[in-house]
Amino acid sequence: FYAVNISEGGIYLTAKDPFPLGSEVKVTLHLDDGKTLTLDTSVVYIKGLYGDLFKNPPGMALKFKNLTDEESLMLKNYVRKLIAEDLLDSQEEVVIEK
């Protein structure tokens, strides 16, 4: 699955055939330091193929559950790093000539 959005509370994955609401799903995130973080989630929202494609593609929203303090901290750091990279990537260098 391809992740479209992620936060400290959950993740939205694209899927042509999303799992049913309430499904329990294990999600593994590959962190930059070579470690992996495997989290328990449950499907809290699904969007079919014929929904509003301009908001989110077809898929499912998964809520992270039962996080330990260590997992919560690792996830928080992962999300913050992604946000920081996105901010840096979106900045353009502007050359001002005098």
N, C-alpha and C. Protein backbone atom coordinates (compact mmCIF):
# COMPACT_ATOMS: atom_id res chain seq x y z
N PHE A 1 0.84 -1.19 0.00
CA PHE A 1 0.00 0.00 0.00
C PHE A 1 0.88 1.24 0.00
N TYR A 2 0.36 2.29 -0.55
CA TYR A 2 1.06 3.56 -0.61
C TYR A 2 0.43 4.51 0.40
N ALA A 3 1.24 5.09 1.27
CA ALA A 3 0.75 6.04 2.27
C ALA A 3 0.62 7.42 1.65
N VAL A 4 -0.57 8.01 1.80
CA VAL A 4 -0.82 9.36 1.29
C VAL A 4 -0.60 10.38 2.40
N ASN A 5 -1.08 10.07 3.59
CA ASN A 5 -0.96 10.95 4.75
C ASN A 5 -0.56 10.12 5.97
N ILE A 6 0.20 10.75 6.85
CA ILE A 6 0.55 10.11 8.12
C ILE A 6 0.59 11.18 9.20
N SER A 7 0.18 10.80 10.38
CA SER A 7 0.25 11.68 11.54
C SER A 7 0.60 10.82 12.74
N GLU A 8 0.68 11.44 13.90
CA GLU A 8 0.95 10.68 15.11
C GLU A 8 -0.26 9.83 15.51
N GLY A 9 -1.41 10.09 14.91
CA GLY A 9 -2.61 9.34 15.26
C GLY A 9 -2.98 8.23 14.29
N GLY A 10 -2.48 8.33 13.06
CA GLY A 10 -2.86 7.32 12.09
C GLY A 10 -2.24 7.55 10.73
N ILE A 11 -2.71 6.77 9.76
CA ILE A 11 -2.15 6.80 8.41
C ILE A 11 -3.27 6.52 7.40
N TYR A 12 -3.19 7.16 6.23
CA TYR A 12 -4.14 6.91 5.15
C TYR A 12 -3.40 6.18 4.03
N LEU A 13 -3.89 5.00 3.68
CA LEU A 13 -3.27 4.19 2.64
C LEU A 13 -4.18 4.10 1.42
N THR A 14 -3.59 4.22 0.25
CA THR A 14 -4.37 4.01 -0.96
C THR A 14 -4.64 2.51 -1.11
N ALA A 15 -5.82 2.19 -1.61
CA ALA A 15 -6.18 0.79 -1.83
C ALA A 15 -7.39 0.73 -2.75
N LYS A 16 -7.27 -0.04 -3.80
CA LYS A 16 -8.40 -0.23 -4.71
C LYS A 16 -9.55 -0.92 -3.98
N ASP A 17 -9.21 -1.89 -3.15
CA ASP A 17 -10.20 -2.62 -2.35
C ASP A 17 -9.83 -2.51 -0.88
N PRO A 18 -10.26 -1.43 -0.22
CA PRO A 18 -9.90 -1.26 1.20
C PRO A 18 -10.47 -2.37 2.07
N PHE A 19 -9.82 -2.61 3.19
CA PHE A 19 -10.32 -3.57 4.16
C PHE A 19 -11.60 -3.03 4.80
N PRO A 20 -12.46 -3.89 5.31
CA PRO A 20 -13.70 -3.43 5.96
C PRO A 20 -13.42 -2.59 7.21
N LEU A 21 -14.36 -1.72 7.54
CA LEU A 21 -14.26 -0.94 8.77
C LEU A 21 -14.05 -1.86 9.96
N GLY A 22 -13.20 -1.44 10.87
CA GLY A 22 -12.94 -2.21 12.06
C GLY A 22 -11.87 -3.28 11.90
N SER A 23 -11.41 -3.52 10.68
CA SER A 23 -10.36 -4.53 10.47
C SER A 23 -9.10 -4.15 11.24
N GLU A 24 -8.46 -5.16 11.81
CA GLU A 24 -7.20 -4.97 12.52
C GLU A 24 -6.06 -5.19 11.52
N VAL A 25 -5.14 -4.23 11.46
CA VAL A 25 -4.06 -4.27 10.47
C VAL A 25 -2.75 -3.92 11.17
N LYS A 26 -1.69 -4.67 10.87
CA LYS A 26 -0.35 -4.32 11.34
C LYS A 26 0.33 -3.49 10.25
N VAL A 27 0.89 -2.36 10.64
CA VAL A 27 1.58 -1.48 9.71
C VAL A 27 3.05 -1.40 10.12
N THR A 28 3.93 -1.59 9.15
CA THR A 28 5.36 -1.49 9.41
C THR A 28 5.93 -0.27 8.70
N LEU A 29 6.56 0.61 9.46
CA LEU A 29 7.22 1.79 8.92
C LEU A 29 8.72 1.53 8.91
N HIS A 30 9.37 1.87 7.83
CA HIS A 30 10.82 1.71 7.72
C HIS A 30 11.46 3.06 8.04
N LEU A 31 12.09 3.13 9.19
CA LEU A 31 12.68 4.37 9.66
C LEU A 31 14.04 4.60 9.00
N ASP A 32 14.50 5.85 9.04
CA ASP A 32 15.74 6.22 8.36
C ASP A 32 16.98 5.55 8.94
N ASP A 33 16.93 5.17 10.20
CA ASP A 33 18.11 4.58 10.83
C ASP A 33 18.22 3.08 10.58
N GLY A 34 17.41 2.56 9.66
CA GLY A 34 17.44 1.14 9.35
C GLY A 34 16.52 0.30 10.21
N LYS A 35 15.93 0.91 11.23
CA LYS A 35 15.01 0.20 12.10
C LYS A 35 13.62 0.19 11.49
N THR A 36 12.79 -0.71 11.98
CA THR A 36 11.39 -0.73 11.57
C THR A 36 10.52 -0.54 12.79
N LEU A 37 9.35 0.00 12.57
CA LEU A 37 8.37 0.21 13.63
C LEU A 37 7.08 -0.44 13.17
N THR A 38 6.67 -1.52 13.84
CA THR A 38 5.45 -2.22 13.49
C THR A 38 4.38 -1.88 14.51
N LEU A 39 3.27 -1.33 14.01
CA LEU A 39 2.21 -0.82 14.88
C LEU A 39 0.88 -1.50 14.60
N ASP A 40 0.09 -1.65 15.65
CA ASP A 40 -1.27 -2.14 15.52
C ASP A 40 -2.16 -0.98 15.10
N THR A 41 -3.07 -1.26 14.16
CA THR A 41 -4.02 -0.23 13.71
C THR A 41 -5.38 -0.87 13.52
N SER A 42 -6.38 -0.02 13.35
CA SER A 42 -7.70 -0.49 12.94
C SER A 42 -8.23 0.46 11.88
N VAL A 43 -9.00 -0.08 10.95
CA VAL A 43 -9.58 0.72 9.86
C VAL A 43 -10.74 1.52 10.44
N VAL A 44 -10.65 2.85 10.32
CA VAL A 44 -11.69 3.73 10.86
C VAL A 44 -12.49 4.45 9.77
N TYR A 45 -12.00 4.37 8.53
CA TYR A 45 -12.67 5.06 7.42
C TYR A 45 -12.23 4.41 6.12
N ILE A 46 -13.17 4.22 5.22
CA ILE A 46 -12.82 3.72 3.89
C ILE A 46 -13.44 4.62 2.83
N LYS A 47 -12.76 4.69 1.72
CA LYS A 47 -13.24 5.49 0.59
C LYS A 47 -13.15 4.62 -0.65
N GLY A 48 -14.27 4.44 -1.30
CA GLY A 48 -14.32 3.58 -2.46
C GLY A 48 -13.75 4.22 -3.71
N LEU A 49 -13.76 3.47 -4.75
CA LEU A 49 -13.20 3.89 -6.03
C LEU A 49 -13.93 5.08 -6.63
N TYR A 50 -15.20 5.24 -6.31
CA TYR A 50 -15.99 6.30 -6.95
C TYR A 50 -16.27 7.47 -6.04
N GLY A 51 -15.45 7.66 -5.01
CA GLY A 51 -15.60 8.81 -4.13
C GLY A 51 -15.02 10.06 -4.78
N ASP A 52 -14.88 11.10 -4.00
CA ASP A 52 -14.32 12.37 -4.48
C ASP A 52 -12.80 12.22 -4.62
N LEU A 53 -12.34 12.02 -5.82
CA LEU A 53 -10.92 11.77 -6.07
C LEU A 53 -10.04 12.99 -5.81
N PHE A 54 -10.65 14.17 -5.71
CA PHE A 54 -9.85 15.37 -5.53
C PHE A 54 -9.42 15.57 -4.08
N LYS A 55 -10.08 14.92 -3.14
CA LYS A 55 -9.70 15.04 -1.74
C LYS A 55 -8.68 13.97 -1.37
N ASN A 56 -9.02 12.73 -1.53
CA ASN A 56 -8.12 11.61 -1.27
C ASN A 56 -8.43 10.52 -2.28
N PRO A 57 -7.43 9.79 -2.71
CA PRO A 57 -7.68 8.66 -3.61
C PRO A 57 -8.38 7.54 -2.83
N PRO A 58 -8.92 6.55 -3.53
CA PRO A 58 -9.55 5.42 -2.85
C PRO A 58 -8.58 4.79 -1.87
N GLY A 59 -9.08 4.42 -0.71
CA GLY A 59 -8.21 3.82 0.28
C GLY A 59 -8.87 3.72 1.64
N MET A 60 -8.03 3.71 2.67
CA MET A 60 -8.54 3.52 4.03
C MET A 60 -7.68 4.29 5.03
N ALA A 61 -8.36 4.80 6.04
CA ALA A 61 -7.69 5.47 7.15
C ALA A 61 -7.53 4.47 8.29
N LEU A 62 -6.31 4.38 8.80
CA LEU A 62 -6.01 3.46 9.89
C LEU A 62 -5.60 4.27 11.12
N LYS A 63 -6.18 3.92 12.25
CA LYS A 63 -5.84 4.58 13.51
C LYS A 63 -4.84 3.73 14.26
N PHE A 64 -3.72 4.36 14.71
CA PHE A 64 -2.74 3.65 15.50
C PHE A 64 -3.33 3.32 16.86
N LYS A 65 -3.05 2.11 17.37
CA LYS A 65 -3.60 1.68 18.65
C LYS A 65 -2.51 1.09 19.55
N ASN A 66 -2.77 1.18 20.83
CA ASN A 66 -1.95 0.50 21.84
C ASN A 66 -0.46 0.82 21.72
N LEU A 67 -0.13 2.07 21.44
CA LEU A 67 1.28 2.44 21.31
C LEU A 67 1.95 2.48 22.68
N THR A 68 3.14 1.93 22.75
CA THR A 68 3.95 2.09 23.95
C THR A 68 4.53 3.50 23.93
N ASP A 69 5.09 3.93 25.05
CA ASP A 69 5.72 5.25 25.09
C ASP A 69 6.87 5.34 24.09
N GLU A 70 7.64 4.26 23.97
CA GLU A 70 8.77 4.23 23.03
C GLU A 70 8.28 4.31 21.59
N GLU A 71 7.25 3.54 21.25
CA GLU A 71 6.69 3.58 19.89
C GLU A 71 6.13 4.95 19.57
N SER A 72 5.46 5.54 20.55
CA SER A 72 4.88 6.87 20.36
C SER A 72 5.97 7.90 20.07
N LEU A 73 7.07 7.82 20.80
CA LEU A 73 8.19 8.75 20.59
C LEU A 73 8.84 8.52 19.23
N MET A 74 9.04 7.26 18.85
CA MET A 74 9.63 6.95 17.55
C MET A 74 8.73 7.46 16.42
N LEU A 75 7.42 7.27 16.55
CA LEU A 75 6.48 7.73 15.54
C LEU A 75 6.47 9.25 15.46
N LYS A 76 6.47 9.91 16.60
CA LYS A 76 6.48 11.37 16.65
C LYS A 76 7.72 11.92 15.94
N ASN A 77 8.88 11.34 16.23
CA ASN A 77 10.12 11.78 15.59
C ASN A 77 10.09 11.53 14.09
N TYR A 78 9.54 10.39 13.67
CA TYR A 78 9.44 10.05 12.25
C TYR A 78 8.56 11.06 11.51
N VAL A 79 7.40 11.37 12.08
CA VAL A 79 6.47 12.31 11.46
C VAL A 79 7.09 13.71 11.40
N ARG A 80 7.71 14.13 12.48
CA ARG A 80 8.35 15.46 12.49
C ARG A 80 9.44 15.57 11.43
N LYS A 81 10.21 14.50 11.27
CA LYS A 81 11.27 14.51 10.25
C LYS A 81 10.67 14.61 8.85
N LEU A 82 9.58 13.88 8.60
CA LEU A 82 8.91 13.97 7.30
C LEU A 82 8.40 15.38 7.03
N ILE A 83 7.82 16.00 8.04
CA ILE A 83 7.30 17.37 7.89
C ILE A 83 8.44 18.33 7.60
N ALA A 84 9.54 18.21 8.35
CA ALA A 84 10.68 19.10 8.14
C ALA A 84 11.25 18.95 6.74
N GLU A 85 11.36 17.71 6.25
CA GLU A 85 11.87 17.48 4.90
C GLU A 85 10.94 18.08 3.86
N ASP A 86 9.63 17.94 4.06
CA ASP A 86 8.67 18.52 3.12
C ASP A 86 8.78 20.03 3.09
N LEU A 87 8.96 20.65 4.25
CA LEU A 87 9.10 22.10 4.30
C LEU A 87 10.35 22.56 3.57
N LEU A 88 11.46 21.86 3.79
CA LEU A 88 12.70 22.23 3.12
C LEU A 88 12.61 22.01 1.61
N ASP A 89 11.99 20.91 1.20
CA ASP A 89 11.86 20.61 -0.22
C ASP A 89 10.96 21.62 -0.94
N SER A 90 9.99 22.18 -0.20
CA SER A 90 9.03 23.09 -0.85
C SER A 90 9.58 24.51 -0.98
N GLN A 91 10.67 24.81 -0.29
CA GLN A 91 11.23 26.14 -0.38
C GLN A 91 12.05 26.28 -1.65
N GLU A 92 11.88 27.39 -2.30
CA GLU A 92 12.62 27.66 -3.52
C GLU A 92 13.63 28.76 -3.25
N GLU A 93 14.78 28.61 -3.87
CA GLU A 93 15.79 29.66 -3.73
C GLU A 93 15.46 30.75 -4.75
N VAL A 94 15.33 31.96 -4.26
CA VAL A 94 15.00 33.09 -5.12
C VAL A 94 16.24 33.96 -5.25
N VAL A 95 16.62 34.22 -6.47
CA VAL A 95 17.78 35.08 -6.73
C VAL A 95 17.27 36.49 -6.95
N ILE A 96 17.78 37.40 -6.15
CA ILE A 96 17.38 38.82 -6.29
C ILE A 96 18.56 39.57 -6.87
N GLU A 97 18.32 40.15 -8.02
CA GLU A 97 19.38 40.90 -8.68
C GLU A 97 19.19 42.37 -8.39
N LYS A 98 20.29 43.07 -8.19
CA LYS A 98 20.23 44.52 -7.94
C LYS A 98 20.63 45.27 -9.15
